[in-house]
Protein backbone atom coordinates (compact mmCIF):
# COMPACT_ATOMS: atom_id res chain seq x y z
CA MET A 1 27.58 10.55 6.33
CA PHE A 2 24.64 8.29 5.35
CA ALA A 3 25.18 8.17 1.57
CA ALA A 4 26.40 4.55 1.68
CA THR A 5 24.11 3.42 4.50
CA GLN A 6 21.25 1.07 3.74
CA ALA A 7 18.03 2.73 4.81
CA PHE A 8 14.54 1.34 5.16
CA SER A 9 11.21 2.65 6.26
CA ALA A 10 8.58 1.47 8.70
CA PHE A 11 4.99 2.23 9.54
CA ALA A 12 2.54 1.34 12.27
CA VAL A 13 -0.67 -0.67 12.29
CA ASP A 14 -3.12 -1.48 15.05
CA ASP A 15 -3.14 -5.26 14.47
CA LEU A 16 -0.10 -7.11 13.15
CA ALA A 17 -2.00 -10.32 12.35
CA ARG A 18 -4.51 -8.45 10.15
CA ALA A 19 -1.61 -6.61 8.47
CA ARG A 20 0.17 -9.92 7.77
CA THR A 21 -2.97 -11.32 6.14
CA PHE A 22 -3.65 -8.17 4.11
CA TYR A 23 -0.11 -7.55 2.85
CA GLY A 24 0.80 -11.23 2.50
CA GLN A 25 -2.39 -12.76 1.14
CA THR A 26 -4.52 -9.94 -0.27
CA LEU A 27 -1.67 -7.98 -1.86
CA GLY A 28 0.57 -11.02 -2.40
CA ILE A 29 3.72 -9.50 -0.93
CA PRO A 30 6.22 -11.92 0.63
CA VAL A 31 6.24 -11.26 4.38
CA SER A 32 8.13 -12.55 7.39
CA GLU A 33 7.74 -11.94 11.09
CA GLN A 34 10.44 -11.82 13.72
CA HIS A 35 10.75 -10.21 17.13
CA GLY A 36 7.21 -8.86 16.92
CA LEU A 37 7.86 -7.03 13.65
CA LEU A 38 6.40 -7.80 10.25
CA THR A 39 8.70 -7.30 7.27
CA LEU A 40 7.36 -6.71 3.77
CA HIS A 41 9.88 -8.02 1.22
CA LEU A 42 9.39 -5.81 -1.83
CA ALA A 43 10.87 -6.19 -5.31
CA GLY A 44 14.46 -5.08 -5.72
CA GLY A 45 15.46 -6.29 -2.26
CA HIS A 46 13.70 -3.47 -0.45
CA ASP A 47 12.20 -4.30 2.92
CA ILE A 48 9.70 -2.29 4.92
CA ARG A 49 9.05 -2.93 8.59
CA VAL A 50 5.54 -2.91 10.03
CA TYR A 51 5.02 -2.70 13.76
CA ALA A 52 1.99 -2.83 16.04
CA LYS A 53 1.08 0.33 17.89
CA PRO A 54 -1.93 -0.02 20.21
CA ASP A 55 -2.91 3.67 19.97
CA HIS A 56 -2.30 3.74 16.22
CA THR A 57 -3.78 6.61 14.23
CA PRO A 58 -3.96 5.92 10.48
CA ALA A 59 -1.71 8.01 8.28
CA SER A 60 -3.69 10.68 6.41
CA TYR A 61 -1.15 10.62 3.58
CA THR A 62 0.08 7.91 1.22
CA ILE A 63 2.56 5.67 3.05
CA LEU A 64 3.32 3.19 0.28
CA MET A 65 3.03 3.26 -3.52
CA PHE A 66 2.97 0.30 -5.88
CA ARG A 67 3.87 0.86 -9.53
CA VAL A 68 2.04 -1.53 -11.87
CA ASP A 69 1.98 -2.12 -15.62
CA ASP A 70 -1.83 -2.40 -15.85
CA ILE A 71 -3.75 -0.46 -13.23
CA GLY A 72 -7.12 -1.66 -14.51
CA ALA A 73 -6.10 -5.30 -14.05
CA ALA A 74 -4.57 -4.61 -10.61
CA VAL A 75 -7.64 -2.74 -9.37
CA GLY A 76 -9.94 -5.42 -10.79
CA GLU A 77 -8.05 -8.25 -9.10
CA LEU A 78 -7.87 -6.45 -5.75
CA ALA A 79 -11.58 -5.61 -5.94
CA ARG A 80 -12.28 -9.33 -6.48
CA ARG A 81 -10.25 -9.95 -3.31
CA GLY A 82 -12.50 -7.57 -1.37
CA VAL A 83 -10.43 -4.39 -1.48
CA ARG A 84 -12.42 -1.15 -1.65
CA PHE A 85 -10.91 1.82 -3.43
CA GLU A 86 -11.17 5.40 -2.24
CA HIS A 87 -13.08 8.13 -4.08
CA TYR A 88 -12.16 11.77 -3.51
CA ASP A 89 -13.97 15.02 -4.23
CA GLY A 90 -12.06 17.18 -6.68
CA ILE A 91 -10.25 14.28 -8.35
CA ASP A 92 -11.54 12.87 -11.63
CA GLN A 93 -11.99 9.14 -11.05
CA ASP A 94 -13.96 6.41 -12.76
CA GLU A 95 -16.42 4.14 -10.93
CA ARG A 96 -13.54 1.85 -9.88
CA GLY A 97 -11.61 4.72 -8.27
CA ILE A 98 -8.98 5.06 -11.00
CA THR A 99 -8.02 8.62 -11.90
CA THR A 100 -9.08 9.80 -15.33
CA GLY A 101 -7.43 13.22 -15.48
CA SER A 102 -4.13 14.20 -17.04
CA GLY A 103 -0.75 13.91 -15.40
CA PRO A 104 2.22 11.55 -15.48
CA PHE A 105 0.41 8.73 -13.66
CA THR A 106 -2.95 7.03 -13.46
CA ALA A 107 -3.64 6.18 -9.82
CA ALA A 108 -6.04 4.54 -7.39
CA TRP A 109 -5.99 4.63 -3.59
CA LEU A 110 -6.90 2.02 -1.01
CA LYS A 111 -6.51 1.59 2.73
CA ASP A 112 -4.95 -1.24 4.66
CA PRO A 113 -6.93 -2.76 7.57
CA ALA A 114 -5.38 -0.19 9.93
CA GLY A 115 -6.62 2.67 7.73
CA ASN A 116 -3.22 3.62 6.29
CA LEU A 117 -3.41 5.00 2.75
CA LEU A 118 -1.76 3.11 -0.13
CA GLU A 119 -1.56 4.02 -3.82
CA ILE A 120 -1.41 1.97 -6.99
CA LEU A 121 -0.05 3.85 -9.98
CA GLN A 122 0.75 3.33 -13.62
CA GLU A 123 2.83 5.62 -15.81
CA ARG A 124 0.85 7.11 -18.67
């Protein structure tokens, strides 16, 4: 029934203006805003909607993943832009927050201003 239907996802934030600044300027994603909704225009023509929710509770799981060619460079640039990366007990990570263990990906996690969890990953 939905095999040929274009689907998209959405997530909530507590402050749309802060989200627009973070996703548009800090992460460098093209964004637009219409009818009180922020749209992230991702590579490949994929859009994600972001909406304000006054009683927003941050997602405790990864809501959005960004695949990069050089995770060290991406983490370094975002750190220069003021982004802090998460460190987790039980996960081998370097001082920057980049995983050092085995597996198909090297990853680092960060939070948006609303506290939602994002991941940057690079194939090994």
